[in-house]
Amino acid sequence: MFGRGKNNTEAGITLIANNCEVAGDVSFTDQLLVNGVVKGNIYAREDSKATITVSEKGRVEGDIRVPNVVVNGRVSGDIHSSRNVELAAKAEVDGNVYYNLIEMVMGSRVEGNLVHVQDEQRPGEAEVAREPVEATGSEAESTGAAVQVARVKVSSA
């Protein structure tokens, strides 16, 4: 009725605005931008190019299972990513992060385990590193990477 045909496969961006709260699971295929609140799990097909972005004002209370994840807001739940996770400066994650590639900016915070998942592994099959990583005085001052690690709390299970 409104599209160009029944087989319209153009990519689209779905916005959950800052004045919006969604209660329930969300499933999408292209891009999802969360500026508001999602109280439920968020899913996308693992073999897709789907990307979720949780903005600085956005909040997710549930698990995220999306190939590409960008967080600059708050996530209370586990993140499962088959491709990459980017944690921006104001990211706060209360849960485990299962990733293939990860980028963490100084100031981001994770209260949980960082679990590297290889391409052939599924997130539930990965082994969790049991040793917390910490940087000390001169290490933290000499390299930016050490400072990033020092700001991330990795607790053992």
N, C-alpha and C. Protein backbone atom coordinates (compact mmCIF):
# COMPACT_ATOMS: atom_id res chain seq x y z
N MET A 1 0.82 -1.19 0.00
CA MET A 1 0.00 0.00 0.00
C MET A 1 0.86 1.26 0.00
N PHE A 2 1.83 1.36 0.92
CA PHE A 2 2.67 2.56 1.00
C PHE A 2 4.05 2.34 0.38
N GLY A 3 4.46 1.10 0.20
CA GLY A 3 5.79 0.81 -0.32
C GLY A 3 5.79 0.76 -1.84
N ARG A 4 6.93 0.44 -2.37
CA ARG A 4 7.07 0.34 -3.82
C ARG A 4 6.67 -1.03 -4.34
N GLY A 5 6.42 -1.93 -3.48
CA GLY A 5 6.05 -3.28 -3.87
C GLY A 5 6.10 -4.17 -2.66
N LYS A 6 5.64 -5.39 -2.84
CA LYS A 6 5.61 -6.31 -1.72
C LYS A 6 6.99 -6.78 -1.30
N ASN A 7 7.97 -6.75 -2.20
CA ASN A 7 9.31 -7.23 -1.88
C ASN A 7 10.28 -6.08 -1.62
N ASN A 8 9.83 -5.05 -0.94
CA ASN A 8 10.67 -3.90 -0.64
C ASN A 8 11.71 -4.30 0.41
N THR A 9 13.00 -4.29 0.05
CA THR A 9 14.05 -4.72 0.97
C THR A 9 15.04 -3.61 1.29
N GLU A 10 14.62 -2.36 1.20
CA GLU A 10 15.50 -1.25 1.52
C GLU A 10 15.82 -1.25 3.00
N ALA A 11 17.06 -0.86 3.31
CA ALA A 11 17.47 -0.76 4.70
C ALA A 11 16.75 0.39 5.38
N GLY A 12 16.52 0.25 6.66
CA GLY A 12 15.83 1.29 7.40
C GLY A 12 16.39 1.45 8.79
N ILE A 13 16.13 2.62 9.37
CA ILE A 13 16.55 2.91 10.74
C ILE A 13 15.30 3.01 11.60
N THR A 14 15.29 2.28 12.70
CA THR A 14 14.19 2.34 13.64
C THR A 14 14.65 3.16 14.84
N LEU A 15 13.85 4.15 15.22
CA LEU A 15 14.19 5.04 16.32
C LEU A 15 13.25 4.83 17.48
N ILE A 16 13.81 4.61 18.64
CA ILE A 16 13.04 4.64 19.88
C ILE A 16 13.42 5.95 20.55
N ALA A 17 12.55 6.92 20.42
CA ALA A 17 12.85 8.30 20.82
C ALA A 17 12.96 8.45 22.33
N ASN A 18 13.54 9.58 22.75
CA ASN A 18 13.80 9.81 24.17
C ASN A 18 12.52 9.95 24.99
N ASN A 19 11.39 10.18 24.36
CA ASN A 19 10.13 10.27 25.10
C ASN A 19 9.32 8.97 24.98
N CYS A 20 10.01 7.88 24.62
CA CYS A 20 9.35 6.60 24.35
C CYS A 20 9.92 5.51 25.25
N GLU A 21 9.04 4.64 25.75
CA GLU A 21 9.45 3.46 26.50
C GLU A 21 8.77 2.25 25.88
N VAL A 22 9.57 1.25 25.52
CA VAL A 22 9.05 0.02 24.92
C VAL A 22 9.15 -1.09 25.96
N ALA A 23 8.04 -1.76 26.23
CA ALA A 23 8.02 -2.88 27.17
C ALA A 23 7.78 -4.15 26.36
N GLY A 24 8.80 -5.00 26.29
CA GLY A 24 8.69 -6.23 25.52
C GLY A 24 9.91 -6.41 24.64
N ASP A 25 10.05 -7.58 24.05
CA ASP A 25 11.19 -7.88 23.21
C ASP A 25 11.10 -7.14 21.87
N VAL A 26 12.27 -6.76 21.33
CA VAL A 26 12.35 -6.06 20.06
C VAL A 26 13.21 -6.89 19.11
N SER A 27 12.70 -7.11 17.90
CA SER A 27 13.45 -7.82 16.88
C SER A 27 13.53 -6.91 15.66
N PHE A 28 14.73 -6.79 15.06
CA PHE A 28 14.90 -5.91 13.91
C PHE A 28 15.94 -6.49 12.98
N THR A 29 16.08 -5.87 11.78
CA THR A 29 17.02 -6.42 10.79
C THR A 29 18.08 -5.43 10.33
N ASP A 30 17.87 -4.14 10.42
CA ASP A 30 18.83 -3.18 9.87
C ASP A 30 19.52 -2.39 10.96
N GLN A 31 18.98 -1.23 11.31
CA GLN A 31 19.56 -0.39 12.35
C GLN A 31 18.51 -0.01 13.37
N LEU A 32 18.92 -0.02 14.63
CA LEU A 32 18.04 0.38 15.72
C LEU A 32 18.77 1.41 16.55
N LEU A 33 18.15 2.58 16.75
CA LEU A 33 18.72 3.65 17.57
C LEU A 33 17.85 3.82 18.80
N VAL A 34 18.43 3.59 19.97
CA VAL A 34 17.69 3.69 21.22
C VAL A 34 18.09 4.96 21.93
N ASN A 35 17.17 5.94 21.91
CA ASN A 35 17.34 7.18 22.67
C ASN A 35 16.47 7.15 23.92
N GLY A 36 15.49 6.26 23.95
CA GLY A 36 14.58 6.12 25.06
C GLY A 36 14.92 4.90 25.89
N VAL A 37 13.87 4.17 26.30
CA VAL A 37 14.03 3.01 27.19
C VAL A 37 13.41 1.77 26.54
N VAL A 38 14.14 0.67 26.59
CA VAL A 38 13.62 -0.63 26.18
C VAL A 38 13.69 -1.55 27.39
N LYS A 39 12.53 -2.05 27.83
CA LYS A 39 12.47 -3.01 28.93
C LYS A 39 12.12 -4.36 28.33
N GLY A 40 13.16 -5.04 27.86
CA GLY A 40 13.00 -6.32 27.21
C GLY A 40 14.26 -6.65 26.44
N ASN A 41 14.31 -7.81 25.84
CA ASN A 41 15.48 -8.23 25.08
C ASN A 41 15.42 -7.68 23.66
N ILE A 42 16.60 -7.48 23.08
CA ILE A 42 16.70 -6.96 21.71
C ILE A 42 17.45 -7.98 20.88
N TYR A 43 16.86 -8.37 19.74
CA TYR A 43 17.41 -9.42 18.89
C TYR A 43 17.57 -8.97 17.45
N ALA A 44 18.58 -9.52 16.78
CA ALA A 44 18.72 -9.42 15.32
C ALA A 44 19.37 -10.71 14.87
N ARG A 45 19.13 -11.11 13.64
CA ARG A 45 19.73 -12.34 13.13
C ARG A 45 21.25 -12.25 13.16
N GLU A 46 21.90 -13.33 13.60
CA GLU A 46 23.35 -13.35 13.75
C GLU A 46 24.08 -13.17 12.42
N ASP A 47 23.49 -13.64 11.33
CA ASP A 47 24.14 -13.54 10.02
C ASP A 47 23.79 -12.25 9.27
N SER A 48 23.12 -11.32 9.95
CA SER A 48 22.76 -10.04 9.33
C SER A 48 23.83 -8.98 9.60
N LYS A 49 23.66 -7.81 9.01
CA LYS A 49 24.54 -6.67 9.27
C LYS A 49 23.89 -5.69 10.24
N ALA A 50 22.98 -6.19 11.04
CA ALA A 50 22.22 -5.34 11.95
C ALA A 50 23.12 -4.65 12.97
N THR A 51 22.73 -3.40 13.30
CA THR A 51 23.47 -2.59 14.27
C THR A 51 22.50 -1.94 15.23
N ILE A 52 22.81 -2.04 16.52
CA ILE A 52 22.05 -1.31 17.53
C ILE A 52 22.96 -0.24 18.10
N THR A 53 22.41 0.96 18.29
CA THR A 53 23.12 2.05 18.95
C THR A 53 22.29 2.50 20.13
N VAL A 54 22.87 2.42 21.31
CA VAL A 54 22.23 2.93 22.52
C VAL A 54 22.90 4.27 22.82
N SER A 55 22.15 5.35 22.62
CA SER A 55 22.73 6.68 22.77
C SER A 55 22.98 7.01 24.23
N GLU A 56 23.58 8.16 24.46
CA GLU A 56 23.92 8.60 25.82
C GLU A 56 22.70 8.63 26.73
N LYS A 57 21.54 8.99 26.20
CA LYS A 57 20.32 9.05 27.00
C LYS A 57 19.53 7.75 26.95
N GLY A 58 19.96 6.80 26.15
CA GLY A 58 19.25 5.54 25.99
C GLY A 58 19.51 4.56 27.11
N ARG A 59 18.54 3.65 27.29
CA ARG A 59 18.67 2.65 28.34
C ARG A 59 18.00 1.35 27.89
N VAL A 60 18.69 0.23 28.10
CA VAL A 60 18.14 -1.08 27.79
C VAL A 60 18.17 -1.92 29.05
N GLU A 61 17.02 -2.47 29.42
CA GLU A 61 16.91 -3.36 30.58
C GLU A 61 16.58 -4.74 30.04
N GLY A 62 17.60 -5.46 29.60
CA GLY A 62 17.43 -6.78 29.02
C GLY A 62 18.68 -7.14 28.23
N ASP A 63 18.70 -8.33 27.67
CA ASP A 63 19.85 -8.78 26.89
C ASP A 63 19.80 -8.23 25.47
N ILE A 64 20.99 -8.04 24.91
CA ILE A 64 21.13 -7.60 23.51
C ILE A 64 21.85 -8.72 22.77
N ARG A 65 21.25 -9.21 21.68
CA ARG A 65 21.86 -10.23 20.82
C ARG A 65 21.82 -9.70 19.39
N VAL A 66 22.85 -8.91 19.05
CA VAL A 66 22.93 -8.22 17.77
C VAL A 66 24.37 -8.30 17.27
N PRO A 67 24.60 -8.49 15.97
CA PRO A 67 25.97 -8.60 15.46
C PRO A 67 26.85 -7.39 15.75
N ASN A 68 26.33 -6.18 15.60
CA ASN A 68 27.10 -4.95 15.81
C ASN A 68 26.42 -4.12 16.89
N VAL A 69 27.17 -3.78 17.94
CA VAL A 69 26.60 -3.08 19.08
C VAL A 69 27.45 -1.85 19.40
N VAL A 70 26.78 -0.70 19.52
CA VAL A 70 27.43 0.55 19.94
C VAL A 70 26.66 1.04 21.16
N VAL A 71 27.38 1.24 22.27
CA VAL A 71 26.72 1.68 23.51
C VAL A 71 27.39 2.95 24.01
N ASN A 72 26.57 3.97 24.28
CA ASN A 72 27.04 5.17 24.95
C ASN A 72 26.08 5.51 26.09
N GLY A 73 25.13 4.63 26.35
CA GLY A 73 24.16 4.80 27.43
C GLY A 73 24.29 3.67 28.42
N ARG A 74 23.16 3.20 28.93
CA ARG A 74 23.16 2.19 29.99
C ARG A 74 22.49 0.90 29.50
N VAL A 75 23.15 -0.23 29.75
CA VAL A 75 22.58 -1.54 29.45
C VAL A 75 22.63 -2.39 30.71
N SER A 76 21.47 -2.85 31.15
CA SER A 76 21.38 -3.75 32.30
C SER A 76 21.02 -5.12 31.77
N GLY A 77 22.03 -5.89 31.41
CA GLY A 77 21.83 -7.21 30.83
C GLY A 77 23.07 -7.59 30.04
N ASP A 78 23.09 -8.79 29.54
CA ASP A 78 24.24 -9.27 28.77
C ASP A 78 24.19 -8.76 27.33
N ILE A 79 25.37 -8.55 26.76
CA ILE A 79 25.50 -8.18 25.35
C ILE A 79 26.18 -9.34 24.63
N HIS A 80 25.54 -9.84 23.58
CA HIS A 80 26.09 -10.92 22.75
C HIS A 80 26.26 -10.37 21.34
N SER A 81 27.49 -10.28 20.88
CA SER A 81 27.77 -9.73 19.56
C SER A 81 28.66 -10.69 18.79
N SER A 82 28.24 -11.06 17.58
CA SER A 82 29.04 -11.97 16.76
C SER A 82 30.08 -11.21 15.94
N ARG A 83 29.97 -9.89 15.87
CA ARG A 83 30.94 -9.10 15.11
C ARG A 83 31.72 -8.15 16.00
N ASN A 84 31.14 -7.00 16.33
CA ASN A 84 31.91 -6.05 17.13
C ASN A 84 31.04 -5.29 18.13
N VAL A 85 31.71 -4.88 19.21
CA VAL A 85 31.09 -4.07 20.26
C VAL A 85 31.94 -2.82 20.42
N GLU A 86 31.28 -1.69 20.45
CA GLU A 86 31.96 -0.42 20.73
C GLU A 86 31.33 0.18 21.98
N LEU A 87 32.16 0.39 23.01
CA LEU A 87 31.70 1.00 24.25
C LEU A 87 32.27 2.41 24.30
N ALA A 88 31.40 3.39 24.14
CA ALA A 88 31.81 4.79 24.10
C ALA A 88 32.04 5.31 25.52
N ALA A 89 32.43 6.56 25.62
CA ALA A 89 32.89 7.14 26.88
C ALA A 89 31.87 7.08 28.02
N LYS A 90 30.58 7.15 27.73
CA LYS A 90 29.58 7.16 28.79
C LYS A 90 28.82 5.84 28.89
N ALA A 91 29.37 4.80 28.30
CA ALA A 91 28.72 3.48 28.34
C ALA A 91 28.80 2.89 29.74
N GLU A 92 27.67 2.34 30.19
CA GLU A 92 27.60 1.62 31.46
C GLU A 92 26.89 0.31 31.19
N VAL A 93 27.61 -0.79 31.38
CA VAL A 93 27.05 -2.11 31.14
C VAL A 93 27.08 -2.90 32.45
N ASP A 94 25.91 -3.32 32.91
CA ASP A 94 25.80 -4.18 34.08
C ASP A 94 25.42 -5.57 33.58
N GLY A 95 26.45 -6.32 33.18
CA GLY A 95 26.24 -7.66 32.63
C GLY A 95 27.48 -8.09 31.89
N ASN A 96 27.48 -9.29 31.38
CA ASN A 96 28.61 -9.82 30.63
C ASN A 96 28.58 -9.33 29.19
N VAL A 97 29.76 -9.15 28.60
CA VAL A 97 29.87 -8.73 27.21
C VAL A 97 30.57 -9.85 26.44
N TYR A 98 29.84 -10.47 25.51
CA TYR A 98 30.38 -11.52 24.65
C TYR A 98 30.66 -10.87 23.30
N TYR A 99 31.92 -10.89 22.87
CA TYR A 99 32.31 -10.12 21.69
C TYR A 99 33.29 -10.89 20.82
N ASN A 100 33.37 -10.52 19.55
CA ASN A 100 34.41 -11.00 18.65
C ASN A 100 35.50 -9.94 18.58
N LEU A 101 35.12 -8.70 18.32
CA LEU A 101 36.01 -7.54 18.37
C LEU A 101 35.39 -6.53 19.33
N ILE A 102 36.24 -5.83 20.10
CA ILE A 102 35.71 -4.84 21.04
C ILE A 102 36.57 -3.59 21.00
N GLU A 103 35.91 -2.45 21.14
CA GLU A 103 36.59 -1.16 21.28
C GLU A 103 36.01 -0.48 22.50
N MET A 104 36.88 -0.11 23.43
CA MET A 104 36.44 0.56 24.65
C MET A 104 37.13 1.90 24.77
N VAL A 105 36.35 2.94 24.95
CA VAL A 105 36.88 4.28 25.12
C VAL A 105 37.03 4.54 26.61
N MET A 106 38.05 5.32 26.96
CA MET A 106 38.28 5.66 28.36
C MET A 106 37.02 6.30 28.94
N GLY A 107 36.61 5.79 30.08
CA GLY A 107 35.40 6.27 30.75
C GLY A 107 34.27 5.26 30.70
N SER A 108 34.32 4.32 29.77
CA SER A 108 33.28 3.29 29.71
C SER A 108 33.42 2.35 30.90
N ARG A 109 32.31 1.73 31.30
CA ARG A 109 32.31 0.90 32.51
C ARG A 109 31.56 -0.40 32.23
N VAL A 110 32.16 -1.51 32.65
CA VAL A 110 31.53 -2.82 32.54
C VAL A 110 31.57 -3.49 33.91
N GLU A 111 30.40 -3.83 34.44
CA GLU A 111 30.30 -4.60 35.69
C GLU A 111 29.92 -6.01 35.29
N GLY A 112 30.91 -6.82 34.97
CA GLY A 112 30.67 -8.18 34.51
C GLY A 112 31.92 -8.69 33.82
N ASN A 113 31.79 -9.78 33.11
CA ASN A 113 32.92 -10.39 32.42
C ASN A 113 32.97 -9.95 30.97
N LEU A 114 34.19 -9.78 30.46
CA LEU A 114 34.41 -9.58 29.04
C LEU A 114 34.82 -10.94 28.48
N VAL A 115 34.04 -11.47 27.55
CA VAL A 115 34.25 -12.82 27.06
C VAL A 115 34.48 -12.77 25.55
N HIS A 116 35.69 -13.16 25.14
CA HIS A 116 36.00 -13.19 23.70
C HIS A 116 35.38 -14.44 23.09
N VAL A 117 34.62 -14.24 22.03
CA VAL A 117 33.96 -15.33 21.33
C VAL A 117 34.52 -15.37 19.91
N GLN A 118 35.12 -16.48 19.54
CA GLN A 118 35.67 -16.60 18.19
C GLN A 118 34.53 -16.85 17.21
N ASP A 119 34.83 -16.66 15.92
CA ASP A 119 33.81 -16.79 14.88
C ASP A 119 33.06 -18.11 14.94
N GLU A 120 33.76 -19.20 15.19
CA GLU A 120 33.11 -20.51 15.16
C GLU A 120 32.43 -20.87 16.47
N GLN A 121 32.64 -20.06 17.53
CA GLN A 121 32.01 -20.33 18.82
C GLN A 121 30.68 -19.60 18.90
N ARG A 122 29.80 -20.15 19.69
CA ARG A 122 28.58 -19.44 20.03
C ARG A 122 28.81 -18.79 21.39
N PRO A 123 28.14 -17.67 21.70
CA PRO A 123 28.39 -16.97 22.95
C PRO A 123 28.30 -17.83 24.20
N GLY A 124 27.44 -18.83 24.27
CA GLY A 124 27.33 -19.66 25.45
C GLY A 124 28.46 -20.67 25.59
N GLU A 125 29.27 -20.87 24.53
CA GLU A 125 30.32 -21.87 24.56
C GLU A 125 31.69 -21.30 24.89
N ALA A 126 31.83 -20.02 25.00
CA ALA A 126 33.13 -19.40 25.23
C ALA A 126 33.59 -19.62 26.66
N GLU A 127 34.89 -19.64 26.84
CA GLU A 127 35.43 -19.74 28.18
C GLU A 127 35.66 -18.34 28.72
N VAL A 128 35.30 -18.13 29.96
CA VAL A 128 35.44 -16.83 30.59
C VAL A 128 36.81 -16.74 31.23
N ALA A 129 37.50 -15.62 30.98
CA ALA A 129 38.79 -15.38 31.64
C ALA A 129 38.51 -15.17 33.12
N ARG A 130 39.21 -15.89 33.98
CA ARG A 130 38.95 -15.84 35.41
C ARG A 130 39.84 -14.86 36.15
N GLU A 131 40.83 -14.28 35.49
CA GLU A 131 41.76 -13.38 36.16
C GLU A 131 41.37 -11.93 35.88
N PRO A 132 41.09 -11.11 36.92
CA PRO A 132 40.82 -9.70 36.68
C PRO A 132 42.07 -9.00 36.13
N VAL A 133 41.86 -8.04 35.25
CA VAL A 133 42.97 -7.29 34.66
C VAL A 133 43.02 -5.92 35.30
N GLU A 134 44.17 -5.54 35.82
CA GLU A 134 44.31 -4.23 36.46
C GLU A 134 45.60 -3.59 36.01
N ALA A 135 45.60 -2.27 35.93
CA ALA A 135 46.82 -1.52 35.64
C ALA A 135 47.21 -0.75 36.90
N THR A 136 48.51 -0.58 37.09
CA THR A 136 48.97 0.13 38.28
C THR A 136 49.67 1.42 37.88
N GLY A 137 49.85 2.29 38.84
CA GLY A 137 50.48 3.60 38.72
C GLY A 137 51.15 3.97 37.43
N SER A 138 52.44 3.59 37.25
CA SER A 138 53.19 4.02 36.08
C SER A 138 52.64 3.42 34.79
N GLU A 139 52.09 2.19 34.84
CA GLU A 139 51.48 1.60 33.65
C GLU A 139 50.29 2.44 33.18
N ALA A 140 49.45 2.84 34.13
CA ALA A 140 48.25 3.60 33.79
C ALA A 140 48.60 4.97 33.23
N GLU A 141 49.70 5.55 33.68
CA GLU A 141 50.08 6.87 33.20
C GLU A 141 50.81 6.81 31.87
N SER A 142 51.49 5.71 31.56
CA SER A 142 52.33 5.66 30.37
C SER A 142 51.59 5.29 29.10
N THR A 143 50.52 4.50 29.19
CA THR A 143 49.82 4.11 27.96
C THR A 143 48.33 4.31 28.12
N GLY A 144 47.69 4.75 27.06
CA GLY A 144 46.24 4.93 27.07
C GLY A 144 45.52 3.61 27.27
N ALA A 145 46.06 2.53 26.70
CA ALA A 145 45.40 1.22 26.81
C ALA A 145 45.33 0.78 28.26
N ALA A 146 46.41 1.01 29.02
CA ALA A 146 46.40 0.62 30.42
C ALA A 146 45.36 1.41 31.19
N VAL A 147 45.17 2.67 30.85
CA VAL A 147 44.16 3.47 31.51
C VAL A 147 42.77 2.93 31.20
N GLN A 148 42.55 2.51 29.94
CA GLN A 148 41.25 1.94 29.59
C GLN A 148 40.96 0.70 30.42
N VAL A 149 41.94 -0.17 30.54
CA VAL A 149 41.75 -1.39 31.30
C VAL A 149 41.53 -1.07 32.77
N ALA A 150 42.22 -0.06 33.29
CA ALA A 150 42.07 0.30 34.70
C ALA A 150 40.68 0.80 35.00
N ARG A 151 39.99 1.36 34.04
CA ARG A 151 38.65 1.89 34.26
C ARG A 151 37.56 0.84 34.10
N VAL A 152 37.91 -0.34 33.68
CA VAL A 152 36.95 -1.41 33.49
C VAL A 152 37.05 -2.39 34.65
N LYS A 153 35.98 -2.62 35.33
CA LYS A 153 35.98 -3.59 36.42
C LYS A 153 35.58 -4.93 35.84
N VAL A 154 36.50 -5.87 35.84
CA VAL A 154 36.24 -7.22 35.35
C VAL A 154 36.26 -8.13 36.55
N SER A 155 35.11 -8.67 36.92
CA SER A 155 35.06 -9.51 38.11
C SER A 155 35.02 -10.97 37.71
N SER A 156 35.59 -11.82 38.54
CA SER A 156 35.58 -13.25 38.25
C SER A 156 34.28 -13.85 38.78
N ALA A 157 33.87 -14.91 38.12
CA ALA A 157 32.60 -15.56 38.50
C ALA A 157 32.81 -16.53 39.63
